[in-house]
Amino acid sequence: MAIRVRWFPTLVRRTHSKQAETVVEWRAGMTPLDILLGEGFSRVDAEAVLAIVNGAQARHDVPLSEGDAVEFMVSIQGGCR
């Protein structure tokens, strides 16, 4: 079975696939970090990326299940002056 992956627009250009939506073949023990590393992100890069699994924010080391939907978003901070 597969995992559906969606990328925040500013992340797409940094991925190997260059696609806003991809499908990754699920394997036991797979984590969001594994997907990030597989698309060419470093562990340091990953620190600035939020993982959303099935609509809820998740840690990068959470094991994924067959059929999960994963989104990666940029962690944006700031405020108004």
PDB file of N, CA and C in Angstrom:
ATOM      1  N   MET A   1       0.839  -1.179   0.000  1.00  0.00           N
ATOM      2  CA  MET A   1       0.000   0.000   0.000  1.00  0.00           C
ATOM      3  C   MET A   1       0.884   1.242   0.000  1.00  0.00           C
ATOM      4  N   ALA A   2       0.285   2.377  -0.223  1.00  0.00           N
ATOM      5  CA  ALA A   2       1.054   3.606  -0.402  1.00  0.00           C
ATOM      6  C   ALA A   2       0.663   4.676   0.615  1.00  0.00           C
ATOM      7  N   ILE A   3       1.519   5.682   0.704  1.00  0.00           N
ATOM      8  CA  ILE A   3       1.278   6.861   1.528  1.00  0.00           C
ATOM      9  C   ILE A   3       1.211   8.053   0.580  1.00  0.00           C
ATOM     10  N   ARG A   4       0.155   8.841   0.706  1.00  0.00           N
ATOM     11  CA  ARG A   4       0.008  10.048  -0.112  1.00  0.00           C
ATOM     12  C   ARG A   4       0.766  11.184   0.563  1.00  0.00           C
ATOM     13  N   VAL A   5       1.550  11.912  -0.212  1.00  0.00           N
ATOM     14  CA  VAL A   5       2.373  12.998   0.323  1.00  0.00           C
ATOM     15  C   VAL A   5       2.073  14.285  -0.438  1.00  0.00           C
ATOM     16  N   ARG A   6       1.833  15.362   0.317  1.00  0.00           N
ATOM     17  CA  ARG A   6       1.637  16.693  -0.269  1.00  0.00           C
ATOM     18  C   ARG A   6       2.721  17.608   0.279  1.00  0.00           C
ATOM     19  N   TRP A   7       3.242  18.465  -0.594  1.00  0.00           N
ATOM     20  CA  TRP A   7       4.332  19.378  -0.244  1.00  0.00           C
ATOM     21  C   TRP A   7       3.858  20.816  -0.296  1.00  0.00           C
ATOM     22  N   PHE A   8       4.186  21.605   0.732  1.00  0.00           N
ATOM     23  CA  PHE A   8       3.955  23.044   0.749  1.00  0.00           C
ATOM     24  C   PHE A   8       4.660  23.615  -0.483  1.00  0.00           C
ATOM     25  N   PRO A   9       4.039  24.574  -1.185  1.00  0.00           N
ATOM     26  CA  PRO A   9       4.609  25.062  -2.448  1.00  0.00           C
ATOM     27  C   PRO A   9       6.089  25.449  -2.402  1.00  0.00           C
ATOM     28  N   THR A  10       6.535  26.085  -1.334  1.00  0.00           N
ATOM     29  CA  THR A  10       7.949  26.486  -1.296  1.00  0.00           C
ATOM     30  C   THR A  10       8.893  25.305  -1.105  1.00  0.00           C
ATOM     31  N   LEU A  11       8.368  24.147  -0.714  1.00  0.00           N
ATOM     32  CA  LEU A  11       9.209  22.955  -0.551  1.00  0.00           C
ATOM     33  C   LEU A  11       9.346  22.158  -1.846  1.00  0.00           C
ATOM     34  N   VAL A  12       8.365  22.295  -2.741  1.00  0.00           N
ATOM     35  CA  VAL A  12       8.343  21.482  -3.964  1.00  0.00           C
ATOM     36  C   VAL A  12       9.654  21.585  -4.732  1.00  0.00           C
ATOM     37  N   ARG A  13      10.159  22.791  -4.901  1.00  0.00           N
ATOM     38  CA  ARG A  13      11.380  22.963  -5.708  1.00  0.00           C
ATOM     39  C   ARG A  13      12.604  22.323  -5.063  1.00  0.00           C
ATOM     40  N   ARG A  14      12.541  21.994  -3.764  1.00  0.00           N
ATOM     41  CA  ARG A  14      13.668  21.376  -3.069  1.00  0.00           C
ATOM     42  C   ARG A  14      13.597  19.848  -3.094  1.00  0.00           C
ATOM     43  N   THR A  15      12.480  19.294  -3.541  1.00  0.00           N
ATOM     44  CA  THR A  15      12.328  17.838  -3.571  1.00  0.00           C
ATOM     45  C   THR A  15      12.964  17.252  -4.830  1.00  0.00           C
ATOM     46  N   HIS A  16      13.334  15.987  -4.754  1.00  0.00           N
ATOM     47  CA  HIS A  16      13.834  15.293  -5.945  1.00  0.00           C
ATOM     48  C   HIS A  16      12.728  15.166  -6.993  1.00  0.00           C
ATOM     49  N   SER A  17      11.497  14.915  -6.541  1.00  0.00           N
ATOM     50  CA  SER A  17      10.392  14.664  -7.469  1.00  0.00           C
ATOM     51  C   SER A  17       9.880  15.925  -8.169  1.00  0.00           C
ATOM     52  N   LYS A  18      10.037  17.091  -7.538  1.00  0.00           N
ATOM     53  CA  LYS A  18       9.536  18.368  -8.077  1.00  0.00           C
ATOM     54  C   LYS A  18       8.024  18.349  -8.298  1.00  0.00           C
ATOM     55  N   GLN A  19       7.313  17.541  -7.515  1.00  0.00           N
ATOM     56  CA  GLN A  19       5.864  17.407  -7.625  1.00  0.00           C
ATOM     57  C   GLN A  19       5.201  17.859  -6.324  1.00  0.00           C
ATOM     58  N   ALA A  20       4.068  18.560  -6.429  1.00  0.00           N
ATOM     59  CA  ALA A  20       3.345  19.022  -5.242  1.00  0.00           C
ATOM     60  C   ALA A  20       2.699  17.864  -4.491  1.00  0.00           C
ATOM     61  N   GLU A  21       2.363  16.809  -5.213  1.00  0.00           N
ATOM     62  CA  GLU A  21       1.785  15.613  -4.596  1.00  0.00           C
ATOM     63  C   GLU A  21       2.507  14.388  -5.133  1.00  0.00           C
ATOM     64  N   THR A  22       2.869  13.513  -4.221  1.00  0.00           N
ATOM     65  CA  THR A  22       3.557  12.283  -4.607  1.00  0.00           C
ATOM     66  C   THR A  22       2.962  11.111  -3.837  1.00  0.00           C
ATOM     67  N   VAL A  23       3.311   9.933  -4.257  1.00  0.00           N
ATOM     68  CA  VAL A  23       2.918   8.709  -3.562  1.00  0.00           C
ATOM     69  C   VAL A  23       4.194   7.951  -3.235  1.00  0.00           C
ATOM     70  N   VAL A  24       4.292   7.520  -1.987  1.00  0.00           N
ATOM     71  CA  VAL A  24       5.464   6.785  -1.521  1.00  0.00           C
ATOM     72  C   VAL A  24       5.010   5.394  -1.104  1.00  0.00           C
ATOM     73  N   GLU A  25       5.736   4.394  -1.514  1.00  0.00           N
ATOM     74  CA  GLU A  25       5.402   3.026  -1.122  1.00  0.00           C
ATOM     75  C   GLU A  25       5.668   2.857   0.370  1.00  0.00           C
ATOM     76  N   TRP A  26       4.629   2.456   1.112  1.00  0.00           N
ATOM     77  CA  TRP A  26       4.738   2.275   2.559  1.00  0.00           C
ATOM     78  C   TRP A  26       5.588   1.050   2.885  1.00  0.00           C
ATOM     79  N   ARG A  27       6.369   1.158   3.964  1.00  0.00           N
ATOM     80  CA  ARG A  27       7.082   0.004   4.514  1.00  0.00           C
ATOM     81  C   ARG A  27       7.025   0.108   6.031  1.00  0.00           C
ATOM     82  N   ALA A  28       7.054  -0.998   6.698  1.00  0.00           N
ATOM     83  CA  ALA A  28       6.974  -1.025   8.160  1.00  0.00           C
ATOM     84  C   ALA A  28       8.079  -0.165   8.766  1.00  0.00           C
ATOM     85  N   GLY A  29       7.712   0.659   9.735  1.00  0.00           N
ATOM     86  CA  GLY A  29       8.680   1.505  10.419  1.00  0.00           C
ATOM     87  C   GLY A  29       8.957   2.830   9.739  1.00  0.00           C
ATOM     88  N   MET A  30       8.367   3.072   8.578  1.00  0.00           N
ATOM     89  CA  MET A  30       8.598   4.325   7.854  1.00  0.00           C
ATOM     90  C   MET A  30       8.093   5.507   8.680  1.00  0.00           C
ATOM     91  N   THR A  31       8.843   6.615   8.631  1.00  0.00           N
ATOM     92  CA  THR A  31       8.492   7.836   9.360  1.00  0.00           C
ATOM     93  C   THR A  31       8.462   9.026   8.399  1.00  0.00           C
ATOM     94  N   PRO A  32       7.879  10.145   8.832  1.00  0.00           N
ATOM     95  CA  PRO A  32       7.954  11.346   7.999  1.00  0.00           C
ATOM     96  C   PRO A  32       9.401  11.745   7.683  1.00  0.00           C
ATOM     97  N   LEU A  33      10.309  11.554   8.632  1.00  0.00           N
ATOM     98  CA  LEU A  33      11.714  11.885   8.374  1.00  0.00           C
ATOM     99  C   LEU A  33      12.270  11.044   7.230  1.00  0.00           C
ATOM    100  N   ASP A  34      11.887   9.776   7.154  1.00  0.00           N
ATOM    101  CA  ASP A  34      12.342   8.923   6.051  1.00  0.00           C
ATOM    102  C   ASP A  34      11.910   9.500   4.703  1.00  0.00           C
ATOM    103  N   ILE A  35      10.685  10.022   4.649  1.00  0.00           N
ATOM    104  CA  ILE A  35      10.196  10.613   3.402  1.00  0.00           C
ATOM    105  C   ILE A  35      11.005  11.861   3.060  1.00  0.00           C
ATOM    106  N   LEU A  36      11.226  12.712   4.056  1.00  0.00           N
ATOM    107  CA  LEU A  36      12.023  13.925   3.830  1.00  0.00           C
ATOM    108  C   LEU A  36      13.425  13.581   3.333  1.00  0.00           C
ATOM    109  N   LEU A  37      14.080  12.649   3.994  1.00  0.00           N
ATOM    110  CA  LEU A  37      15.436  12.256   3.590  1.00  0.00           C
ATOM    111  C   LEU A  37      15.429  11.664   2.182  1.00  0.00           C
ATOM    112  N   GLY A  38      14.406  10.877   1.870  1.00  0.00           N
ATOM    113  CA  GLY A  38      14.289  10.267   0.553  1.00  0.00           C
ATOM    114  C   GLY A  38      14.092  11.275  -0.566  1.00  0.00           C
ATOM    115  N   GLU A  39      13.546  12.440  -0.226  1.00  0.00           N
ATOM    116  CA  GLU A  39      13.335  13.498  -1.222  1.00  0.00           C
ATOM    117  C   GLU A  39      14.495  14.482  -1.264  1.00  0.00           C
ATOM    118  N   GLY A  40      15.567  14.191  -0.529  1.00  0.00           N
ATOM    119  CA  GLY A  40      16.770  15.006  -0.632  1.00  0.00           C
ATOM    120  C   GLY A  40      16.987  16.037   0.461  1.00  0.00           C
ATOM    121  N   PHE A  41      16.119  16.072   1.454  1.00  0.00           N
ATOM    122  CA  PHE A  41      16.301  17.002   2.563  1.00  0.00           C
ATOM    123  C   PHE A  41      17.300  16.422   3.555  1.00  0.00           C
ATOM    124  N   SER A  42      18.072  17.289   4.180  1.00  0.00           N
ATOM    125  CA  SER A  42      18.987  16.840   5.232  1.00  0.00           C
ATOM    126  C   SER A  42      18.244  16.851   6.566  1.00  0.00           C
ATOM    127  N   ARG A  43      18.846  16.265   7.577  1.00  0.00           N
ATOM    128  CA  ARG A  43      18.246  16.303   8.916  1.00  0.00           C
ATOM    129  C   ARG A  43      18.142  17.742   9.419  1.00  0.00           C
ATOM    130  N   VAL A  44      19.113  18.567   9.076  1.00  0.00           N
ATOM    131  CA  VAL A  44      19.068  19.982   9.473  1.00  0.00           C
ATOM    132  C   VAL A  44      17.906  20.680   8.768  1.00  0.00           C
ATOM    133  N   ASP A  45      17.738  20.434   7.461  1.00  0.00           N
ATOM    134  CA  ASP A  45      16.603  21.003   6.722  1.00  0.00           C
ATOM    135  C   ASP A  45      15.284  20.597   7.372  1.00  0.00           C
ATOM    136  N   ALA A  46      15.194  19.345   7.782  1.00  0.00           N
ATOM    137  CA  ALA A  46      13.955  18.798   8.331  1.00  0.00           C
ATOM    138  C   ALA A  46      13.501  19.534   9.587  1.00  0.00           C
ATOM    139  N   GLU A  47      14.428  20.132  10.310  1.00  0.00           N
ATOM    140  CA  GLU A  47      14.068  20.849  11.534  1.00  0.00           C
ATOM    141  C   GLU A  47      13.148  22.036  11.263  1.00  0.00           C
ATOM    142  N   ALA A  48      13.152  22.552  10.044  1.00  0.00           N
ATOM    143  CA  ALA A  48      12.314  23.700   9.687  1.00  0.00           C
ATOM    144  C   ALA A  48      11.032  23.288   8.964  1.00  0.00           C
ATOM    145  N   VAL A  49      10.760  21.990   8.918  1.00  0.00           N
ATOM    146  CA  VAL A  49       9.598  21.485   8.194  1.00  0.00           C
ATOM    147  C   VAL A  49       8.646  20.800   9.174  1.00  0.00           C
ATOM    148  N   LEU A  50       7.362  21.173   9.098  1.00  0.00           N
ATOM    149  CA  LEU A  50       6.340  20.543   9.924  1.00  0.00           C
ATOM    150  C   LEU A  50       5.761  19.345   9.182  1.00  0.00           C
ATOM    151  N   ALA A  51       5.540  18.267   9.898  1.00  0.00           N
ATOM    152  CA  ALA A  51       4.877  17.095   9.330  1.00  0.00           C
ATOM    153  C   ALA A  51       3.436  17.066   9.835  1.00  0.00           C
ATOM    154  N   ILE A  52       2.512  16.894   8.912  1.00  0.00           N
ATOM    155  CA  ILE A  52       1.095  16.765   9.234  1.00  0.00           C
ATOM    156  C   ILE A  52       0.678  15.375   8.764  1.00  0.00           C
ATOM    157  N   VAL A  53       0.233  14.529   9.687  1.00  0.00           N
ATOM    158  CA  VAL A  53      -0.174  13.166   9.346  1.00  0.00           C
ATOM    159  C   VAL A  53      -1.671  13.041   9.608  1.00  0.00           C
ATOM    160  N   ASN A  54      -2.409  12.723   8.564  1.00  0.00           N
ATOM    161  CA  ASN A  54      -3.863  12.581   8.654  1.00  0.00           C
ATOM    162  C   ASN A  54      -4.512  13.798   9.310  1.00  0.00           C
ATOM    163  N   GLY A  55      -4.024  14.990   8.952  1.00  0.00           N
ATOM    164  CA  GLY A  55      -4.623  16.230   9.414  1.00  0.00           C
ATOM    165  C   GLY A  55      -4.155  16.754  10.757  1.00  0.00           C
ATOM    166  N   ALA A  56      -3.229  16.059  11.420  1.00  0.00           N
ATOM    167  CA  ALA A  56      -2.735  16.502  12.726  1.00  0.00           C
ATOM    168  C   ALA A  56      -1.213  16.611  12.708  1.00  0.00           C
ATOM    169  N   GLN A  57      -0.688  17.643  13.372  1.00  0.00           N
ATOM    170  CA  GLN A  57       0.765  17.799  13.434  1.00  0.00           C
ATOM    171  C   GLN A  57       1.373  16.573  14.102  1.00  0.00           C
ATOM    172  N   ALA A  58       2.498  16.108  13.552  1.00  0.00           N
ATOM    173  CA  ALA A  58       3.135  14.892  14.059  1.00  0.00           C
ATOM    174  C   ALA A  58       4.642  15.084  14.143  1.00  0.00           C
ATOM    175  N   ARG A  59       5.252  14.329  15.025  1.00  0.00           N
ATOM    176  CA  ARG A  59       6.715  14.328  15.119  1.00  0.00           C
ATOM    177  C   ARG A  59       7.290  13.629  13.894  1.00  0.00           C
ATOM    178  N   HIS A  60       8.523  13.946  13.576  1.00  0.00           N
ATOM    179  CA  HIS A  60       9.176  13.339  12.409  1.00  0.00           C
ATOM    180  C   HIS A  60       9.502  11.871  12.621  1.00  0.00           C
ATOM    181  N   ASP A  61       9.492  11.405  13.869  1.00  0.00           N
ATOM    182  CA  ASP A  61       9.860  10.013  14.141  1.00  0.00           C
ATOM    183  C   ASP A  61       8.658   9.103  14.391  1.00  0.00           C
ATOM    184  N   VAL A  62       7.450   9.601  14.164  1.00  0.00           N
ATOM    185  CA  VAL A  62       6.256   8.783  14.374  1.00  0.00           C
ATOM    186  C   VAL A  62       6.150   7.754  13.244  1.00  0.00           C
ATOM    187  N   PRO A  63       5.942   6.475  13.577  1.00  0.00           N
ATOM    188  CA  PRO A  63       5.778   5.466  12.522  1.00  0.00           C
ATOM    189  C   PRO A  63       4.482   5.710  11.742  1.00  0.00           C
ATOM    190  N   LEU A  64       4.573   5.596  10.444  1.00  0.00           N
ATOM    191  CA  LEU A  64       3.411   5.776   9.584  1.00  0.00           C
ATOM    192  C   LEU A  64       2.720   4.440   9.347  1.00  0.00           C
ATOM    193  N   SER A  65       1.430   4.526   9.024  1.00  0.00           N
ATOM    194  CA  SER A  65       0.643   3.335   8.720  1.00  0.00           C
ATOM    195  C   SER A  65       0.255   3.333   7.251  1.00  0.00           C
ATOM    196  N   GLU A  66      -0.071   2.159   6.746  1.00  0.00           N
ATOM    197  CA  GLU A  66      -0.527   2.049   5.366  1.00  0.00           C
ATOM    198  C   GLU A  66      -1.705   2.987   5.145  1.00  0.00           C
ATOM    199  N   GLY A  67      -1.689   3.713   4.037  1.00  0.00           N
ATOM    200  CA  GLY A  67      -2.795   4.580   3.677  1.00  0.00           C
ATOM    201  C   GLY A  67      -2.784   5.955   4.322  1.00  0.00           C
ATOM    202  N   ASP A  68      -1.793   6.254   5.157  1.00  0.00           N
ATOM    203  CA  ASP A  68      -1.713   7.581   5.774  1.00  0.00           C
ATOM    204  C   ASP A  68      -1.552   8.664   4.710  1.00  0.00           C
ATOM    205  N   ALA A  69      -1.998   9.863   5.066  1.00  0.00           N
ATOM    206  CA  ALA A  69      -1.785  11.051   4.241  1.00  0.00           C
ATOM    207  C   ALA A  69      -0.828  11.955   5.006  1.00  0.00           C
ATOM    208  N   VAL A  70       0.270  12.340   4.357  1.00  0.00           N
ATOM    209  CA  VAL A  70       1.293  13.165   4.994  1.00  0.00           C
ATOM    210  C   VAL A  70       1.435  14.466   4.214  1.00  0.00           C
ATOM    211  N   GLU A  71       1.481  15.570   4.944  1.00  0.00           N
ATOM    212  CA  GLU A  71       1.739  16.875   4.337  1.00  0.00           C
ATOM    213  C   GLU A  71       2.970  17.457   5.006  1.00  0.00           C
ATOM    214  N   PHE A  72       3.769  18.143   4.221  1.00  0.00           N
ATOM    215  CA  PHE A  72       4.936  18.831   4.763  1.00  0.00           C
ATOM    216  C   PHE A  72       4.762  20.322   4.516  1.00  0.00           C
ATOM    217  N   MET A  73       4.912  21.094   5.591  1.00  0.00           N
ATOM    218  CA  MET A  73       4.744  22.543   5.530  1.00  0.00           C
ATOM    219  C   MET A  73       5.976  23.220   6.108  1.00  0.00           C
ATOM    220  N   VAL A  74       6.210  24.441   5.674  1.00  0.00           N
ATOM    221  CA  VAL A  74       7.316  25.228   6.213  1.00  0.00           C
ATOM    222  C   VAL A  74       6.877  25.824   7.543  1.00  0.00           C
ATOM    223  N   SER A  75       7.742  25.745   8.515  1.00  0.00           N
ATOM    224  CA  SER A  75       7.492  26.360   9.816  1.00  0.00           C
ATOM    225  C   SER A  75       7.791  27.849   9.689  1.00  0.00           C
ATOM    226  N   ILE A  76       6.741  28.649   9.695  1.00  0.00           N
ATOM    227  CA  ILE A  76       6.893  30.091   9.504  1.00  0.00           C
ATOM    228  C   ILE A  76       6.653  30.797  10.832  1.00  0.00           C
ATOM    229  N   GLN A  77       7.583  31.655  11.186  1.00  0.00           N
ATOM    230  CA  GLN A  77       7.442  32.424  12.417  1.00  0.00           C
ATOM    231  C   GLN A  77       7.556  33.897  12.090  1.00  0.00           C
ATOM    232  N   GLY A  78       7.010  34.682  12.940  1.00  0.00           N
ATOM    233  CA  GLY A  78       7.105  36.119  12.745  1.00  0.00           C
ATOM    234  C   GLY A  78       5.890  36.817  13.306  1.00  0.00           C
ATOM    235  N   GLY A  79       5.796  38.052  13.047  1.00  0.00           N
ATOM    236  CA  GLY A  79       4.671  38.825  13.545  1.00  0.00           C
ATOM    237  C   GLY A  79       4.629  40.170  12.858  1.00  0.00           C
ATOM    238  N   CYS A  80       3.724  40.985  13.303  1.00  0.00           N
ATOM    239  CA  CYS A  80       3.631  42.311  12.704  1.00  0.00           C
ATOM    240  C   CYS A  80       4.323  43.325  13.601  1.00  0.00           C
ATOM    241  N   ARG A  81       4.706  44.402  13.019  1.00  0.00           N
ATOM    242  CA  ARG A  81       5.427  45.437  13.762  1.00  0.00           C
ATOM    243  C   ARG A  81       4.519  46.570  14.104  1.00  0.00           C
TER     244      ARG A  81
END
